[in-house]
Amino acid sequence: MSENRIAVAAVIVETKDSIDELNAVLHEYGNYIIGRMGIPNTSKGVSVISIALDAPSDEINALVGKIGKIDGISAKTVYSN
């Protein structure tokens, strides 16, 4: 088993219809999520979500990969050293 890393996933939600699918994925990986902050920008029609994670790299990559496959949502990850 690989060592846990701290990371932040930045998620941009442009399609509100995809929120239920996003929440299902986040629930699936909930044991790795140490914090989550959502900022709606109604004037632009998007929401920005930052997700702090403490997990093995493989799990972080799997989570962000699943999020990135959801229609109308994009995600990128930044890792600690």
N, C-alpha and C. Protein backbone atom coordinates (compact mmCIF):
# COMPACT_ATOMS: atom_id res chain seq x y z
N MET A 1 0.85 -1.18 0.00
CA MET A 1 0.00 0.00 0.00
C MET A 1 0.89 1.24 0.00
N SER A 2 0.54 2.23 -0.82
CA SER A 2 1.36 3.43 -0.92
C SER A 2 1.03 4.41 0.21
N GLU A 3 1.98 5.28 0.46
CA GLU A 3 1.85 6.27 1.52
C GLU A 3 0.85 7.36 1.12
N ASN A 4 0.11 7.84 2.10
CA ASN A 4 -0.85 8.92 1.83
C ASN A 4 -0.14 10.22 1.53
N ARG A 5 -0.78 11.02 0.69
CA ARG A 5 -0.30 12.35 0.35
C ARG A 5 -1.41 13.35 0.58
N ILE A 6 -1.04 14.58 0.80
CA ILE A 6 -2.00 15.67 0.92
C ILE A 6 -2.13 16.30 -0.46
N ALA A 7 -3.33 16.55 -0.88
CA ALA A 7 -3.58 17.16 -2.18
C ALA A 7 -4.84 18.01 -2.12
N VAL A 8 -4.95 18.90 -3.08
CA VAL A 8 -6.17 19.70 -3.25
C VAL A 8 -6.66 19.51 -4.68
N ALA A 9 -7.91 19.14 -4.81
CA ALA A 9 -8.53 19.02 -6.13
C ALA A 9 -9.37 20.27 -6.36
N ALA A 10 -9.11 20.95 -7.46
CA ALA A 10 -9.91 22.12 -7.85
C ALA A 10 -10.92 21.65 -8.88
N VAL A 11 -12.19 21.90 -8.60
CA VAL A 11 -13.27 21.42 -9.46
C VAL A 11 -14.10 22.62 -9.92
N ILE A 12 -14.35 22.69 -11.22
CA ILE A 12 -15.22 23.72 -11.80
C ILE A 12 -16.48 23.03 -12.32
N VAL A 13 -17.62 23.46 -11.81
CA VAL A 13 -18.91 22.89 -12.22
C VAL A 13 -19.61 23.90 -13.13
N GLU A 14 -19.82 23.50 -14.38
CA GLU A 14 -20.48 24.39 -15.34
C GLU A 14 -21.88 23.89 -15.72
N THR A 15 -22.22 22.67 -15.30
CA THR A 15 -23.51 22.08 -15.61
C THR A 15 -24.16 21.61 -14.31
N LYS A 16 -25.19 22.31 -13.88
CA LYS A 16 -25.84 21.96 -12.61
C LYS A 16 -26.47 20.57 -12.63
N ASP A 17 -26.82 20.08 -13.82
CA ASP A 17 -27.41 18.75 -13.93
C ASP A 17 -26.44 17.65 -13.51
N SER A 18 -25.15 17.96 -13.42
CA SER A 18 -24.13 16.96 -13.09
C SER A 18 -23.80 16.91 -11.60
N ILE A 19 -24.42 17.75 -10.80
CA ILE A 19 -24.07 17.84 -9.39
C ILE A 19 -24.37 16.56 -8.63
N ASP A 20 -25.48 15.90 -8.92
CA ASP A 20 -25.80 14.65 -8.23
C ASP A 20 -24.74 13.58 -8.49
N GLU A 21 -24.28 13.49 -9.73
CA GLU A 21 -23.23 12.52 -10.08
C GLU A 21 -21.92 12.88 -9.38
N LEU A 22 -21.59 14.16 -9.32
CA LEU A 22 -20.39 14.61 -8.62
C LEU A 22 -20.47 14.25 -7.14
N ASN A 23 -21.59 14.52 -6.51
CA ASN A 23 -21.75 14.21 -5.09
C ASN A 23 -21.66 12.72 -4.82
N ALA A 24 -22.14 11.89 -5.74
CA ALA A 24 -22.03 10.44 -5.58
C ALA A 24 -20.57 10.00 -5.59
N VAL A 25 -19.77 10.58 -6.49
CA VAL A 25 -18.34 10.24 -6.55
C VAL A 25 -17.65 10.72 -5.28
N LEU A 26 -17.96 11.93 -4.83
CA LEU A 26 -17.33 12.44 -3.61
C LEU A 26 -17.70 11.58 -2.40
N HIS A 27 -18.93 11.12 -2.35
CA HIS A 27 -19.36 10.23 -1.26
C HIS A 27 -18.56 8.93 -1.28
N GLU A 28 -18.32 8.41 -2.46
CA GLU A 28 -17.56 7.16 -2.62
C GLU A 28 -16.15 7.30 -2.03
N TYR A 29 -15.55 8.48 -2.12
CA TYR A 29 -14.20 8.72 -1.64
C TYR A 29 -14.19 9.55 -0.34
N GLY A 30 -15.31 9.60 0.33
CA GLY A 30 -15.47 10.44 1.51
C GLY A 30 -14.48 10.20 2.62
N ASN A 31 -14.00 8.97 2.76
CA ASN A 31 -13.05 8.67 3.84
C ASN A 31 -11.69 9.33 3.60
N TYR A 32 -11.42 9.82 2.39
CA TYR A 32 -10.16 10.51 2.08
C TYR A 32 -10.29 12.03 2.10
N ILE A 33 -11.51 12.54 2.15
CA ILE A 33 -11.74 13.98 2.08
C ILE A 33 -11.61 14.57 3.48
N ILE A 34 -10.69 15.53 3.63
CA ILE A 34 -10.48 16.17 4.94
C ILE A 34 -11.12 17.56 5.00
N GLY A 35 -11.54 18.07 3.86
CA GLY A 35 -12.22 19.37 3.83
C GLY A 35 -12.75 19.66 2.43
N ARG A 36 -13.78 20.47 2.39
CA ARG A 36 -14.41 20.80 1.11
C ARG A 36 -15.01 22.19 1.21
N MET A 37 -14.78 23.01 0.19
CA MET A 37 -15.35 24.35 0.17
C MET A 37 -15.92 24.61 -1.22
N GLY A 38 -17.17 25.03 -1.26
CA GLY A 38 -17.81 25.34 -2.53
C GLY A 38 -18.15 26.82 -2.61
N ILE A 39 -17.87 27.40 -3.77
CA ILE A 39 -18.15 28.81 -3.99
C ILE A 39 -18.98 28.95 -5.26
N PRO A 40 -20.26 29.26 -5.13
CA PRO A 40 -21.07 29.47 -6.34
C PRO A 40 -20.82 30.86 -6.91
N ASN A 41 -20.72 30.94 -8.22
CA ASN A 41 -20.61 32.23 -8.89
C ASN A 41 -21.80 32.32 -9.84
N THR A 42 -22.91 32.75 -9.29
CA THR A 42 -24.16 32.75 -10.05
C THR A 42 -24.11 33.70 -11.24
N SER A 43 -23.34 34.77 -11.15
CA SER A 43 -23.27 35.71 -12.28
C SER A 43 -22.59 35.08 -13.49
N LYS A 44 -21.71 34.11 -13.27
CA LYS A 44 -21.03 33.41 -14.37
C LYS A 44 -21.65 32.04 -14.65
N GLY A 45 -22.54 31.59 -13.77
CA GLY A 45 -23.19 30.30 -13.97
C GLY A 45 -22.30 29.11 -13.69
N VAL A 46 -21.28 29.30 -12.84
CA VAL A 46 -20.38 28.20 -12.49
C VAL A 46 -20.22 28.14 -10.97
N SER A 47 -19.74 27.01 -10.51
CA SER A 47 -19.36 26.85 -9.10
C SER A 47 -17.94 26.34 -9.05
N VAL A 48 -17.20 26.80 -8.04
CA VAL A 48 -15.83 26.36 -7.82
C VAL A 48 -15.82 25.59 -6.52
N ILE A 49 -15.25 24.39 -6.55
CA ILE A 49 -15.16 23.55 -5.35
C ILE A 49 -13.71 23.18 -5.14
N SER A 50 -13.21 23.37 -3.92
CA SER A 50 -11.88 22.87 -3.58
C SER A 50 -12.05 21.74 -2.59
N ILE A 51 -11.33 20.66 -2.83
CA ILE A 51 -11.45 19.46 -2.00
C ILE A 51 -10.07 19.10 -1.48
N ALA A 52 -9.88 19.17 -0.17
CA ALA A 52 -8.62 18.78 0.46
C ALA A 52 -8.65 17.28 0.73
N LEU A 53 -7.58 16.60 0.34
CA LEU A 53 -7.53 15.14 0.43
C LEU A 53 -6.30 14.66 1.19
N ASP A 54 -6.43 13.56 1.88
CA ASP A 54 -5.33 12.84 2.52
C ASP A 54 -5.52 11.39 2.11
N ALA A 55 -4.78 10.96 1.07
CA ALA A 55 -5.03 9.65 0.47
C ALA A 55 -3.81 9.19 -0.32
N PRO A 56 -3.75 7.90 -0.64
CA PRO A 56 -2.71 7.42 -1.55
C PRO A 56 -2.88 8.08 -2.92
N SER A 57 -1.77 8.30 -3.61
CA SER A 57 -1.80 8.95 -4.93
C SER A 57 -2.76 8.25 -5.89
N ASP A 58 -2.78 6.93 -5.86
CA ASP A 58 -3.67 6.18 -6.76
C ASP A 58 -5.13 6.52 -6.52
N GLU A 59 -5.50 6.68 -5.26
CA GLU A 59 -6.90 7.00 -4.93
C GLU A 59 -7.24 8.43 -5.34
N ILE A 60 -6.30 9.35 -5.14
CA ILE A 60 -6.52 10.73 -5.56
C ILE A 60 -6.69 10.80 -7.07
N ASN A 61 -5.81 10.12 -7.79
CA ASN A 61 -5.90 10.10 -9.25
C ASN A 61 -7.21 9.49 -9.73
N ALA A 62 -7.66 8.42 -9.07
CA ALA A 62 -8.92 7.77 -9.44
C ALA A 62 -10.09 8.71 -9.20
N LEU A 63 -10.10 9.38 -8.06
CA LEU A 63 -11.18 10.32 -7.74
C LEU A 63 -11.24 11.45 -8.76
N VAL A 64 -10.12 12.09 -9.02
CA VAL A 64 -10.10 13.22 -9.94
C VAL A 64 -10.40 12.77 -11.37
N GLY A 65 -9.96 11.57 -11.73
CA GLY A 65 -10.28 11.02 -13.04
C GLY A 65 -11.77 10.82 -13.22
N LYS A 66 -12.42 10.28 -12.18
CA LYS A 66 -13.88 10.07 -12.25
C LYS A 66 -14.61 11.40 -12.33
N ILE A 67 -14.16 12.38 -11.55
CA ILE A 67 -14.79 13.70 -11.59
C ILE A 67 -14.64 14.31 -12.98
N GLY A 68 -13.45 14.20 -13.55
CA GLY A 68 -13.18 14.79 -14.86
C GLY A 68 -13.99 14.18 -16.00
N LYS A 69 -14.51 12.97 -15.79
CA LYS A 69 -15.32 12.31 -16.83
C LYS A 69 -16.79 12.72 -16.78
N ILE A 70 -17.18 13.46 -15.74
CA ILE A 70 -18.57 13.89 -15.61
C ILE A 70 -18.80 15.08 -16.54
N ASP A 71 -19.89 15.02 -17.30
CA ASP A 71 -20.25 16.10 -18.24
C ASP A 71 -20.35 17.44 -17.53
N GLY A 72 -19.70 18.46 -18.08
CA GLY A 72 -19.83 19.81 -17.56
C GLY A 72 -19.00 20.10 -16.33
N ILE A 73 -18.08 19.19 -15.99
CA ILE A 73 -17.24 19.38 -14.81
C ILE A 73 -15.79 19.13 -15.21
N SER A 74 -14.90 19.98 -14.72
CA SER A 74 -13.48 19.76 -14.94
C SER A 74 -12.76 19.80 -13.60
N ALA A 75 -11.62 19.10 -13.52
CA ALA A 75 -10.89 19.00 -12.25
C ALA A 75 -9.39 18.89 -12.50
N LYS A 76 -8.64 19.48 -11.60
CA LYS A 76 -7.18 19.39 -11.60
C LYS A 76 -6.72 19.21 -10.15
N THR A 77 -5.53 18.65 -9.99
CA THR A 77 -5.03 18.34 -8.67
C THR A 77 -3.65 18.97 -8.44
N VAL A 78 -3.45 19.43 -7.21
CA VAL A 78 -2.14 19.91 -6.77
C VAL A 78 -1.74 19.06 -5.56
N TYR A 79 -0.53 18.51 -5.60
CA TYR A 79 -0.02 17.65 -4.53
C TYR A 79 0.99 18.37 -3.65
N SER A 80 1.04 17.97 -2.37
CA SER A 80 2.11 18.43 -1.51
C SER A 80 3.39 17.67 -1.86
N ASN A 81 4.51 18.19 -1.40
CA ASN A 81 5.79 17.50 -1.66
C ASN A 81 5.97 16.26 -0.85
